Amino acid sequence: MGAGLGPYHHLHMDNNLGHHLKQIVSKPKPFSWTADPDAIIAAVRRGHQTLDSHRKDRP
């Protein structure tokens, strides 16, 4: 258990999380896309093929 708070150790964690979130919000960064769009589309197509093949196996 954290910080000697017994069953209320989550309060300490919540406080730390709140502090961390305040730091993130105070210095926002723009989203930077790093994935290759073609790789994402290929993965989605493979996923659809897999799902379709499983659907065909069922009566």
Foldseek 3Di string as FASTA:
>chain_A
DPDPPPPVNVVVVVVVVVVVVVVPVVDDDDDDDDDDPVVVVVVVVVVVVVVVVVVVPDD
